[in-house]
Amino acid sequence: MAVIVGVHGFNDYRNAFALPGVFLAEHGIAVYAYDQRGFGATRFRGIWPGTNLLRSDLRRFVTALQERYPTVPVYLLGDSMGAAVVITAASQKGFPDVDGVILNAPAVWGGSTFSPLYRVGLWLVAHIAPWHEVTGEGLGVIVSDNREILQRLSEDPHMIRATRFDALYGLVHLMDDAINAVPQLNHTTLVLYGMRDEVIPKEPVCRLLETLRAPRRAAFYEEGYHLLLRDLQAERVWRDILVWLKDQSAELSVSNGGHCSQFPSPVGLS
């Protein structure tokens, strides 16, 4: 048995882990997830809480679970923005000692990779009119091939569809922090990525693998989208997580497959 702490992505909430949670529970893995501040059913929904609060909430949540399950391995599963929270929190001194980290479609596409014009524009709007909201309508971004799930999300009142500019500004800086914190992440890590992800580019994920010094495995899914844990092929990803939890050196259904060949292959990357 093991315990997984699920940390959801931007504008999402704890329900992001409902489907993998059922599957993993059937195999003796308990999945606990919570709504991060500013998201889901929290009091100040839509308001960016600040990176420090996101990290401290995760620290307290993990501590509480370890007190409840003192002899059970505890792992962190961060999804997109949640992966950035996991990276920045788990790399800090004093964070509870966990048994491993899973980063799904990690949001490590920081502001340092954006053009100066974009950064200045985002700063100006976030400070002059932080309440101004934008939506993703019209961008044509496909986040999953699972139409049923996409329909549910479009009707889910806990999903945020109009985003304040100060929240976007906070997200960009969180991703910057995550990029800088990767070398300090000392936990055995599994990185999951869908090759059809139209939200997080592949290159930042490859850079993460390049700079990560801890033992790591990587699984790149040719048919996977950003919502990798909820795609039509999601069960394949769930099974790889299960395999890795049982044996971190076991063969997964897919591997790096040369997708990061333009970067030096770190020791332990499969």
C-alpha atoms as a PDB file:
ATOM      1  CA  MET A   1       0.000   0.000   0.000  1.00  0.00           C
ATOM      2  CA  ALA A   2       1.031   3.581  -0.627  1.00  0.00           C
ATOM      3  CA  VAL A   3      -0.466   7.069  -0.392  1.00  0.00           C
ATOM      4  CA  ILE A   4      -0.448   9.618  -3.209  1.00  0.00           C
ATOM      5  CA  VAL A   5      -1.027  13.324  -2.645  1.00  0.00           C
ATOM      6  CA  GLY A   6      -2.613  14.825  -5.765  1.00  0.00           C
ATOM      7  CA  VAL A   7      -1.891  18.494  -6.501  1.00  0.00           C
ATOM      8  CA  HIS A   8      -4.107  19.798  -9.311  1.00  0.00           C
ATOM      9  CA  GLY A   9      -3.381  22.220 -12.126  1.00  0.00           C
ATOM     10  CA  PHE A  10      -4.276  25.828 -12.913  1.00  0.00           C
ATOM     11  CA  ASN A  11      -8.027  26.601 -12.864  1.00  0.00           C
ATOM     12  CA  ASP A  12      -8.689  22.935 -12.048  1.00  0.00           C
ATOM     13  CA  TYR A  13      -9.505  21.348  -8.683  1.00  0.00           C
ATOM     14  CA  ARG A  14      -9.229  18.095  -6.738  1.00  0.00           C
ATOM     15  CA  ASN A  15     -11.550  16.263  -9.140  1.00  0.00           C
ATOM     16  CA  ALA A  16      -8.598  16.057 -11.554  1.00  0.00           C
ATOM     17  CA  PHE A  17      -7.612  12.857  -9.710  1.00  0.00           C
ATOM     18  CA  ALA A  18     -11.052  11.227  -9.508  1.00  0.00           C
ATOM     19  CA  LEU A  19     -10.483   8.767 -12.368  1.00  0.00           C
ATOM     20  CA  PRO A  20      -6.911   7.672 -11.572  1.00  0.00           C
ATOM     21  CA  GLY A  21      -7.874   7.678  -7.892  1.00  0.00           C
ATOM     22  CA  VAL A  22     -10.495   4.961  -8.417  1.00  0.00           C
ATOM     23  CA  PHE A  23      -8.104   2.836 -10.469  1.00  0.00           C
ATOM     24  CA  LEU A  24      -5.223   3.159  -8.015  1.00  0.00           C
ATOM     25  CA  ALA A  25      -7.484   2.500  -5.021  1.00  0.00           C
ATOM     26  CA  GLU A  26      -8.411  -0.833  -6.599  1.00  0.00           C
ATOM     27  CA  HIS A  27      -4.703  -1.687  -6.450  1.00  0.00           C
ATOM     28  CA  GLY A  28      -4.132  -0.649  -2.856  1.00  0.00           C
ATOM     29  CA  ILE A  29      -3.004   2.938  -3.496  1.00  0.00           C
ATOM     30  CA  ALA A  30      -4.877   5.667  -1.600  1.00  0.00           C
ATOM     31  CA  VAL A  31      -5.105   8.999  -3.436  1.00  0.00           C
ATOM     32  CA  TYR A  32      -5.770  12.175  -1.471  1.00  0.00           C
ATOM     33  CA  ALA A  33      -6.334  15.487  -3.242  1.00  0.00           C
ATOM     34  CA  TYR A  34      -7.438  18.924  -2.096  1.00  0.00           C
ATOM     35  CA  ASP A  35      -8.487  22.213  -3.668  1.00  0.00           C
ATOM     36  CA  GLN A  36      -5.539  24.570  -3.661  1.00  0.00           C
ATOM     37  CA  ARG A  37      -6.243  28.087  -2.433  1.00  0.00           C
ATOM     38  CA  GLY A  38      -7.913  30.191  -5.091  1.00  0.00           C
ATOM     39  CA  PHE A  39      -9.338  27.178  -6.912  1.00  0.00           C
ATOM     40  CA  GLY A  40     -12.244  24.732  -6.754  1.00  0.00           C
ATOM     41  CA  ALA A  41     -14.535  25.317  -3.794  1.00  0.00           C
ATOM     42  CA  THR A  42     -12.120  27.450  -1.764  1.00  0.00           C
ATOM     43  CA  ARG A  43     -13.238  30.747  -0.237  1.00  0.00           C
ATOM     44  CA  PHE A  44     -11.359  33.164  -2.493  1.00  0.00           C
ATOM     45  CA  ARG A  45     -11.814  31.283  -5.718  1.00  0.00           C
ATOM     46  CA  GLY A  46     -10.133  32.982  -8.666  1.00  0.00           C
ATOM     47  CA  ILE A  47      -7.732  35.036  -6.515  1.00  0.00           C
ATOM     48  CA  TRP A  48      -4.058  34.078  -6.751  1.00  0.00           C
ATOM     49  CA  PRO A  49      -2.956  33.160  -3.206  1.00  0.00           C
ATOM     50  CA  GLY A  50       0.799  33.459  -3.696  1.00  0.00           C
ATOM     51  CA  THR A  51       3.361  30.736  -4.132  1.00  0.00           C
ATOM     52  CA  ASN A  52       4.359  30.642  -0.472  1.00  0.00           C
ATOM     53  CA  LEU A  53       0.824  29.754   0.639  1.00  0.00           C
ATOM     54  CA  LEU A  54       0.497  27.078  -2.044  1.00  0.00           C
ATOM     55  CA  ARG A  55       3.731  25.494  -0.816  1.00  0.00           C
ATOM     56  CA  SER A  56       2.886  25.721   2.867  1.00  0.00           C
ATOM     57  CA  ASP A  57      -0.554  24.189   2.264  1.00  0.00           C
ATOM     58  CA  LEU A  58       1.064  21.226   0.538  1.00  0.00           C
ATOM     59  CA  ARG A  59       3.561  20.870   3.385  1.00  0.00           C
ATOM     60  CA  ARG A  60       0.783  20.792   5.992  1.00  0.00           C
ATOM     61  CA  PHE A  61      -1.294  18.355   3.944  1.00  0.00           C
ATOM     62  CA  VAL A  62       1.619  15.941   3.558  1.00  0.00           C
ATOM     63  CA  THR A  63       2.479  16.215   7.248  1.00  0.00           C
ATOM     64  CA  ALA A  64      -1.107  15.386   8.235  1.00  0.00           C
ATOM     65  CA  LEU A  65      -1.164  12.319   5.970  1.00  0.00           C
ATOM     66  CA  GLN A  66       2.169  11.061   7.285  1.00  0.00           C
ATOM     67  CA  GLU A  67       0.834  11.362  10.805  1.00  0.00           C
ATOM     68  CA  ARG A  68      -2.222   9.354   9.772  1.00  0.00           C
ATOM     69  CA  TYR A  69      -0.168   6.741   7.876  1.00  0.00           C
ATOM     70  CA  PRO A  70       3.170   6.671   9.730  1.00  0.00           C
ATOM     71  CA  THR A  71       4.364   3.401   8.161  1.00  0.00           C
ATOM     72  CA  VAL A  72       3.033   3.881   4.606  1.00  0.00           C
ATOM     73  CA  PRO A  73       5.099   5.353   1.714  1.00  0.00           C
ATOM     74  CA  VAL A  74       3.853   8.774   0.600  1.00  0.00           C
ATOM     75  CA  TYR A  75       4.302  10.107  -2.936  1.00  0.00           C
ATOM     76  CA  LEU A  76       3.471  13.449  -4.532  1.00  0.00           C
ATOM     77  CA  LEU A  77       1.619  13.655  -7.862  1.00  0.00           C
ATOM     78  CA  GLY A  78       1.646  17.140  -9.352  1.00  0.00           C
ATOM     79  CA  ASP A  79      -0.443  17.893 -12.430  1.00  0.00           C
ATOM     80  CA  SER A  80       0.719  20.810 -14.630  1.00  0.00           C
ATOM     81  CA  MET A  81       0.735  23.840 -12.259  1.00  0.00           C
ATOM     82  CA  GLY A  82       0.498  21.354  -9.403  1.00  0.00           C
ATOM     83  CA  ALA A  83       3.803  19.879 -10.567  1.00  0.00           C
ATOM     84  CA  ALA A  84       5.387  23.328 -10.254  1.00  0.00           C
ATOM     85  CA  VAL A  85       4.025  23.592  -6.714  1.00  0.00           C
ATOM     86  CA  VAL A  86       5.436  20.138  -5.922  1.00  0.00           C
ATOM     87  CA  ILE A  87       8.865  21.004  -7.327  1.00  0.00           C
ATOM     88  CA  THR A  88       9.182  24.270  -5.438  1.00  0.00           C
ATOM     89  CA  ALA A  89       7.830  22.845  -2.181  1.00  0.00           C
ATOM     90  CA  ALA A  90       9.643  19.503  -2.118  1.00  0.00           C
ATOM     91  CA  SER A  91      12.973  21.131  -2.975  1.00  0.00           C
ATOM     92  CA  GLN A  92      12.844  23.337   0.136  1.00  0.00           C
ATOM     93  CA  LYS A  93      14.611  22.511   3.362  1.00  0.00           C
ATOM     94  CA  GLY A  94      12.239  21.268   6.032  1.00  0.00           C
ATOM     95  CA  PHE A  95       9.735  19.728   3.628  1.00  0.00           C
ATOM     96  CA  PRO A  96       8.522  16.315   4.858  1.00  0.00           C
ATOM     97  CA  ASP A  97      10.560  13.404   3.547  1.00  0.00           C
ATOM     98  CA  VAL A  98       8.449  11.699   0.863  1.00  0.00           C
ATOM     99  CA  ASP A  99       9.201   8.512  -1.059  1.00  0.00           C
ATOM    100  CA  GLY A 100       8.988   9.923  -4.553  1.00  0.00           C
ATOM    101  CA  VAL A 101       7.566  12.544  -6.892  1.00  0.00           C
ATOM    102  CA  ILE A 102       5.430  12.188 -10.028  1.00  0.00           C
ATOM    103  CA  LEU A 103       5.277  15.177 -12.383  1.00  0.00           C
ATOM    104  CA  ASN A 104       2.521  15.039 -14.982  1.00  0.00           C
ATOM    105  CA  ALA A 105       2.788  17.600 -17.817  1.00  0.00           C
ATOM    106  CA  PRO A 106       4.900  19.767 -15.495  1.00  0.00           C
ATOM    107  CA  ALA A 107       4.364  23.519 -15.838  1.00  0.00           C
ATOM    108  CA  VAL A 108       7.995  24.552 -16.181  1.00  0.00           C
ATOM    109  CA  TRP A 109       7.437  26.890 -19.104  1.00  0.00           C
ATOM    110  CA  GLY A 110       8.438  29.983 -17.153  1.00  0.00           C
ATOM    111  CA  GLY A 111       8.406  33.669 -17.908  1.00  0.00           C
ATOM    112  CA  SER A 112      12.132  33.545 -18.597  1.00  0.00           C
ATOM    113  CA  THR A 113      11.272  31.806 -21.879  1.00  0.00           C
ATOM    114  CA  PHE A 114       8.760  34.485 -22.921  1.00  0.00           C
ATOM    115  CA  SER A 115       9.590  37.546 -24.991  1.00  0.00           C
ATOM    116  CA  PRO A 116      10.443  40.770 -23.092  1.00  0.00           C
ATOM    117  CA  LEU A 117       7.391  42.430 -24.671  1.00  0.00           C
ATOM    118  CA  TYR A 118       5.095  39.718 -23.312  1.00  0.00           C
ATOM    119  CA  ARG A 119       6.637  39.933 -19.839  1.00  0.00           C
ATOM    120  CA  VAL A 120       6.299  43.717 -19.703  1.00  0.00           C
ATOM    121  CA  GLY A 121       2.726  43.578 -20.969  1.00  0.00           C
ATOM    122  CA  LEU A 122       1.745  40.954 -18.421  1.00  0.00           C
ATOM    123  CA  TRP A 123       3.378  42.951 -15.613  1.00  0.00           C
ATOM    124  CA  LEU A 124       1.570  46.145 -16.614  1.00  0.00           C
ATOM    125  CA  VAL A 125      -1.891  44.600 -16.818  1.00  0.00           C
ATOM    126  CA  ALA A 126      -1.379  42.553 -13.636  1.00  0.00           C
ATOM    127  CA  HIS A 127      -0.444  45.705 -11.694  1.00  0.00           C
ATOM    128  CA  ILE A 128      -2.739  48.269 -13.335  1.00  0.00           C
ATOM    129  CA  ALA A 129      -5.869  46.154 -13.815  1.00  0.00           C
ATOM    130  CA  PRO A 130      -5.313  42.868 -11.934  1.00  0.00           C
ATOM    131  CA  TRP A 131      -9.044  42.140 -11.947  1.00  0.00           C
ATOM    132  CA  HIS A 132      -9.189  42.098 -15.757  1.00  0.00           C
ATOM    133  CA  GLU A 133     -10.112  38.598 -16.938  1.00  0.00           C
ATOM    134  CA  VAL A 134      -9.292  36.559 -20.008  1.00  0.00           C
ATOM    135  CA  THR A 135     -10.555  33.216 -21.280  1.00  0.00           C
ATOM    136  CA  GLY A 136      -9.075  30.572 -23.527  1.00  0.00           C
ATOM    137  CA  GLU A 137     -11.944  30.799 -25.990  1.00  0.00           C
ATOM    138  CA  GLY A 138     -10.865  31.132 -29.580  1.00  0.00           C
ATOM    139  CA  LEU A 139      -7.338  29.841 -29.004  1.00  0.00           C
ATOM    140  CA  GLY A 140      -8.161  26.469 -30.524  1.00  0.00           C
ATOM    141  CA  VAL A 141      -6.078  24.589 -27.960  1.00  0.00           C
ATOM    142  CA  ILE A 142      -6.976  20.903 -27.627  1.00  0.00           C
ATOM    143  CA  VAL A 143      -6.279  19.685 -24.100  1.00  0.00           C
ATOM    144  CA  SER A 144      -7.614  16.121 -24.430  1.00  0.00           C
ATOM    145  CA  ASP A 145      -9.063  13.643 -26.901  1.00  0.00           C
ATOM    146  CA  ASN A 146     -11.669  12.561 -24.342  1.00  0.00           C
ATOM    147  CA  ARG A 147     -14.760  14.465 -25.467  1.00  0.00           C
ATOM    148  CA  GLU A 148     -16.896  13.170 -22.619  1.00  0.00           C
ATOM    149  CA  ILE A 149     -14.464  14.553 -20.051  1.00  0.00           C
ATOM    150  CA  LEU A 150     -14.194  17.864 -21.895  1.00  0.00           C
ATOM    151  CA  GLN A 151     -17.987  18.182 -21.869  1.00  0.00           C
ATOM    152  CA  ARG A 152     -18.089  17.505 -18.137  1.00  0.00           C
ATOM    153  CA  LEU A 153     -15.390  20.083 -17.471  1.00  0.00           C
ATOM    154  CA  SER A 154     -17.231  22.698 -19.532  1.00  0.00           C
ATOM    155  CA  GLU A 155     -20.276  22.228 -17.292  1.00  0.00           C
ATOM    156  CA  ASP A 156     -18.415  21.883 -13.985  1.00  0.00           C
ATOM    157  CA  PRO A 157     -19.069  24.929 -11.753  1.00  0.00           C
ATOM    158  CA  HIS A 158     -15.824  24.363  -9.854  1.00  0.00           C
ATOM    159  CA  MET A 159     -13.688  24.915 -12.964  1.00  0.00           C
ATOM    160  CA  ILE A 160     -12.432  28.461 -13.549  1.00  0.00           C
ATOM    161  CA  ARG A 161     -12.962  29.644 -17.113  1.00  0.00           C
ATOM    162  CA  ALA A 162     -12.222  33.380 -16.800  1.00  0.00           C
ATOM    163  CA  THR A 163      -8.782  34.067 -15.372  1.00  0.00           C
ATOM    164  CA  ARG A 164      -7.614  37.269 -13.689  1.00  0.00           C
ATOM    165  CA  PHE A 165      -4.380  38.791 -14.996  1.00  0.00           C
ATOM    166  CA  ASP A 166      -2.809  38.825 -11.545  1.00  0.00           C
ATOM    167  CA  ALA A 167      -3.394  35.060 -11.374  1.00  0.00           C
ATOM    168  CA  LEU A 168      -1.636  34.608 -14.730  1.00  0.00           C
ATOM    169  CA  TYR A 169       1.213  36.755 -13.453  1.00  0.00           C
ATOM    170  CA  GLY A 170       1.446  34.604 -10.326  1.00  0.00           C
ATOM    171  CA  LEU A 171       1.441  31.414 -12.399  1.00  0.00           C
ATOM    172  CA  VAL A 172       4.305  32.637 -14.583  1.00  0.00           C
ATOM    173  CA  HIS A 173       6.419  33.426 -11.533  1.00  0.00           C
ATOM    174  CA  LEU A 174       5.572  30.058  -9.988  1.00  0.00           C
ATOM    175  CA  MET A 175       6.849  28.375 -13.145  1.00  0.00           C
ATOM    176  CA  ASP A 176      10.013  30.484 -12.965  1.00  0.00           C
ATOM    177  CA  ASP A 177      10.514  29.344  -9.375  1.00  0.00           C
ATOM    178  CA  ALA A 178       9.973  25.717 -10.402  1.00  0.00           C
ATOM    179  CA  ILE A 179      12.594  25.931 -13.155  1.00  0.00           C
ATOM    180  CA  ASN A 180      15.125  27.324 -10.689  1.00  0.00           C
ATOM    181  CA  ALA A 181      14.255  24.732  -8.025  1.00  0.00           C
ATOM    182  CA  VAL A 182      14.628  21.620 -10.207  1.00  0.00           C
ATOM    183  CA  PRO A 183      18.343  21.054  -9.384  1.00  0.00           C
ATOM    184  CA  GLN A 184      17.487  21.050  -5.661  1.00  0.00           C
ATOM    185  CA  LEU A 185      14.777  18.379  -6.016  1.00  0.00           C
ATOM    186  CA  ASN A 186      16.343  15.299  -4.418  1.00  0.00           C
ATOM    187  CA  HIS A 187      13.433  12.857  -4.603  1.00  0.00           C
ATOM    188  CA  THR A 188      13.207   9.966  -7.048  1.00  0.00           C
ATOM    189  CA  THR A 189      11.040  11.315  -9.847  1.00  0.00           C
ATOM    190  CA  LEU A 190       8.730  10.044 -12.593  1.00  0.00           C
ATOM    191  CA  VAL A 191       7.975  12.518 -15.390  1.00  0.00           C
ATOM    192  CA  LEU A 192       4.922  11.967 -17.610  1.00  0.00           C
ATOM    193  CA  TYR A 193       4.301  13.886 -20.821  1.00  0.00           C
ATOM    194  CA  GLY A 194       1.928  13.684 -23.789  1.00  0.00           C
ATOM    195  CA  MET A 195       3.502  14.422 -27.168  1.00  0.00           C
ATOM    196  CA  ARG A 196       0.292  16.158 -28.304  1.00  0.00           C
ATOM    197  CA  ASP A 197       0.340  18.558 -25.356  1.00  0.00           C
ATOM    198  CA  GLU A 198      -0.601  22.002 -26.726  1.00  0.00           C
ATOM    199  CA  VAL A 199      -0.247  23.758 -23.351  1.00  0.00           C
ATOM    200  CA  ILE A 200       3.262  22.856 -22.141  1.00  0.00           C
ATOM    201  CA  PRO A 201       5.886  22.534 -24.903  1.00  0.00           C
ATOM    202  CA  LYS A 202       8.212  19.539 -24.924  1.00  0.00           C
ATOM    203  CA  GLU A 203      11.434  21.567 -24.734  1.00  0.00           C
ATOM    204  CA  PRO A 204      10.953  22.845 -21.150  1.00  0.00           C
ATOM    205  CA  VAL A 205      10.150  19.295 -20.028  1.00  0.00           C
ATOM    206  CA  CYS A 206      13.377  18.078 -21.617  1.00  0.00           C
ATOM    207  CA  ARG A 207      15.293  20.840 -19.856  1.00  0.00           C
ATOM    208  CA  LEU A 208      13.751  19.712 -16.586  1.00  0.00           C
ATOM    209  CA  LEU A 209      15.067  16.206 -17.201  1.00  0.00           C
ATOM    210  CA  GLU A 210      18.448  17.616 -18.102  1.00  0.00           C
ATOM    211  CA  THR A 211      18.808  19.637 -14.897  1.00  0.00           C
ATOM    212  CA  LEU A 212      17.166  17.157 -12.515  1.00  0.00           C
ATOM    213  CA  ARG A 213      19.940  15.520 -10.505  1.00  0.00           C
ATOM    214  CA  ALA A 214      17.849  12.960  -8.633  1.00  0.00           C
ATOM    215  CA  PRO A 215      17.141   9.476 -10.082  1.00  0.00           C
ATOM    216  CA  ARG A 216      14.424   9.882 -12.682  1.00  0.00           C
ATOM    217  CA  ARG A 217      12.308   8.041 -15.211  1.00  0.00           C
ATOM    218  CA  ALA A 218      10.439   9.603 -18.129  1.00  0.00           C
ATOM    219  CA  ALA A 219       7.436   8.372 -20.091  1.00  0.00           C
ATOM    220  CA  PHE A 220       6.468  10.171 -23.324  1.00  0.00           C
ATOM    221  CA  TYR A 221       3.077   9.158 -24.762  1.00  0.00           C
ATOM    222  CA  GLU A 222       2.749   9.703 -28.515  1.00  0.00           C
ATOM    223  CA  GLU A 223      -1.061  10.032 -28.376  1.00  0.00           C
ATOM    224  CA  GLY A 224      -1.188  11.923 -25.076  1.00  0.00           C
ATOM    225  CA  TYR A 225      -2.552  15.439 -24.567  1.00  0.00           C
ATOM    226  CA  HIS A 226      -2.218  17.888 -21.667  1.00  0.00           C
ATOM    227  CA  LEU A 227      -4.925  16.166 -19.617  1.00  0.00           C
ATOM    228  CA  LEU A 228      -2.877  12.987 -19.740  1.00  0.00           C
ATOM    229  CA  LEU A 229      -4.555  11.493 -16.667  1.00  0.00           C
ATOM    230  CA  ARG A 230      -7.992  11.930 -18.274  1.00  0.00           C
ATOM    231  CA  ASP A 231      -7.293  11.187 -21.953  1.00  0.00           C
ATOM    232  CA  LEU A 232      -8.783   8.201 -23.759  1.00  0.00           C
ATOM    233  CA  GLN A 233      -5.531   6.286 -23.149  1.00  0.00           C
ATOM    234  CA  ALA A 234      -5.353   7.416 -19.514  1.00  0.00           C
ATOM    235  CA  GLU A 235      -5.463   3.890 -18.084  1.00  0.00           C
ATOM    236  CA  ARG A 236      -2.134   3.200 -19.753  1.00  0.00           C
ATOM    237  CA  VAL A 237      -0.660   6.130 -17.821  1.00  0.00           C
ATOM    238  CA  TRP A 238      -2.292   4.972 -14.573  1.00  0.00           C
ATOM    239  CA  ARG A 239      -0.763   1.525 -15.026  1.00  0.00           C
ATOM    240  CA  ASP A 240       2.682   3.022 -15.562  1.00  0.00           C
ATOM    241  CA  ILE A 241       2.288   4.981 -12.333  1.00  0.00           C
ATOM    242  CA  LEU A 242       1.308   1.766 -10.569  1.00  0.00           C
ATOM    243  CA  VAL A 243       4.299  -0.101 -12.022  1.00  0.00           C
ATOM    244  CA  TRP A 244       6.664   2.689 -10.965  1.00  0.00           C
ATOM    245  CA  LEU A 245       5.237   2.798  -7.442  1.00  0.00           C
ATOM    246  CA  LYS A 246       5.897  -0.915  -7.030  1.00  0.00           C
ATOM    247  CA  ASP A 247       9.344  -0.898  -8.639  1.00  0.00           C
ATOM    248  CA  GLN A 248      10.979   2.370  -9.706  1.00  0.00           C
ATOM    249  CA  SER A 249      13.360   0.501 -11.999  1.00  0.00           C
ATOM    250  CA  ALA A 250      10.674  -1.573 -13.736  1.00  0.00           C
ATOM    251  CA  GLU A 251      10.001  -1.204 -17.455  1.00  0.00           C
ATOM    252  CA  LEU A 252       7.167   1.180 -18.336  1.00  0.00           C
ATOM    253  CA  SER A 253       4.843   0.926 -21.335  1.00  0.00           C
ATOM    254  CA  VAL A 254       6.755   3.777 -23.000  1.00  0.00           C
ATOM    255  CA  SER A 255      10.035   5.579 -22.342  1.00  0.00           C
ATOM    256  CA  ASN A 256      11.892   8.726 -23.306  1.00  0.00           C
ATOM    257  CA  GLY A 257      12.261   7.194 -26.758  1.00  0.00           C
ATOM    258  CA  GLY A 258      14.806   9.774 -27.855  1.00  0.00           C
ATOM    259  CA  HIS A 259      12.338  12.655 -27.551  1.00  0.00           C
ATOM    260  CA  CYS A 260      14.923  14.634 -25.604  1.00  0.00           C
ATOM    261  CA  SER A 261      17.879  13.582 -27.736  1.00  0.00           C
ATOM    262  CA  GLN A 262      18.820  17.221 -28.361  1.00  0.00           C
ATOM    263  CA  PHE A 263      19.723  17.432 -24.682  1.00  0.00           C
ATOM    264  CA  PRO A 264      22.371  15.375 -22.867  1.00  0.00           C
ATOM    265  CA  SER A 265      20.760  12.239 -21.410  1.00  0.00           C
ATOM    266  CA  PRO A 266      21.143  12.309 -17.617  1.00  0.00           C
ATOM    267  CA  VAL A 267      22.017   9.122 -15.782  1.00  0.00           C
ATOM    268  CA  GLY A 268      18.884   7.127 -14.939  1.00  0.00           C
ATOM    269  CA  LEU A 269      16.726   8.515 -17.749  1.00  0.00           C
ATOM    270  CA  SER A 270      14.841   5.776 -19.566  1.00  0.00           C
END
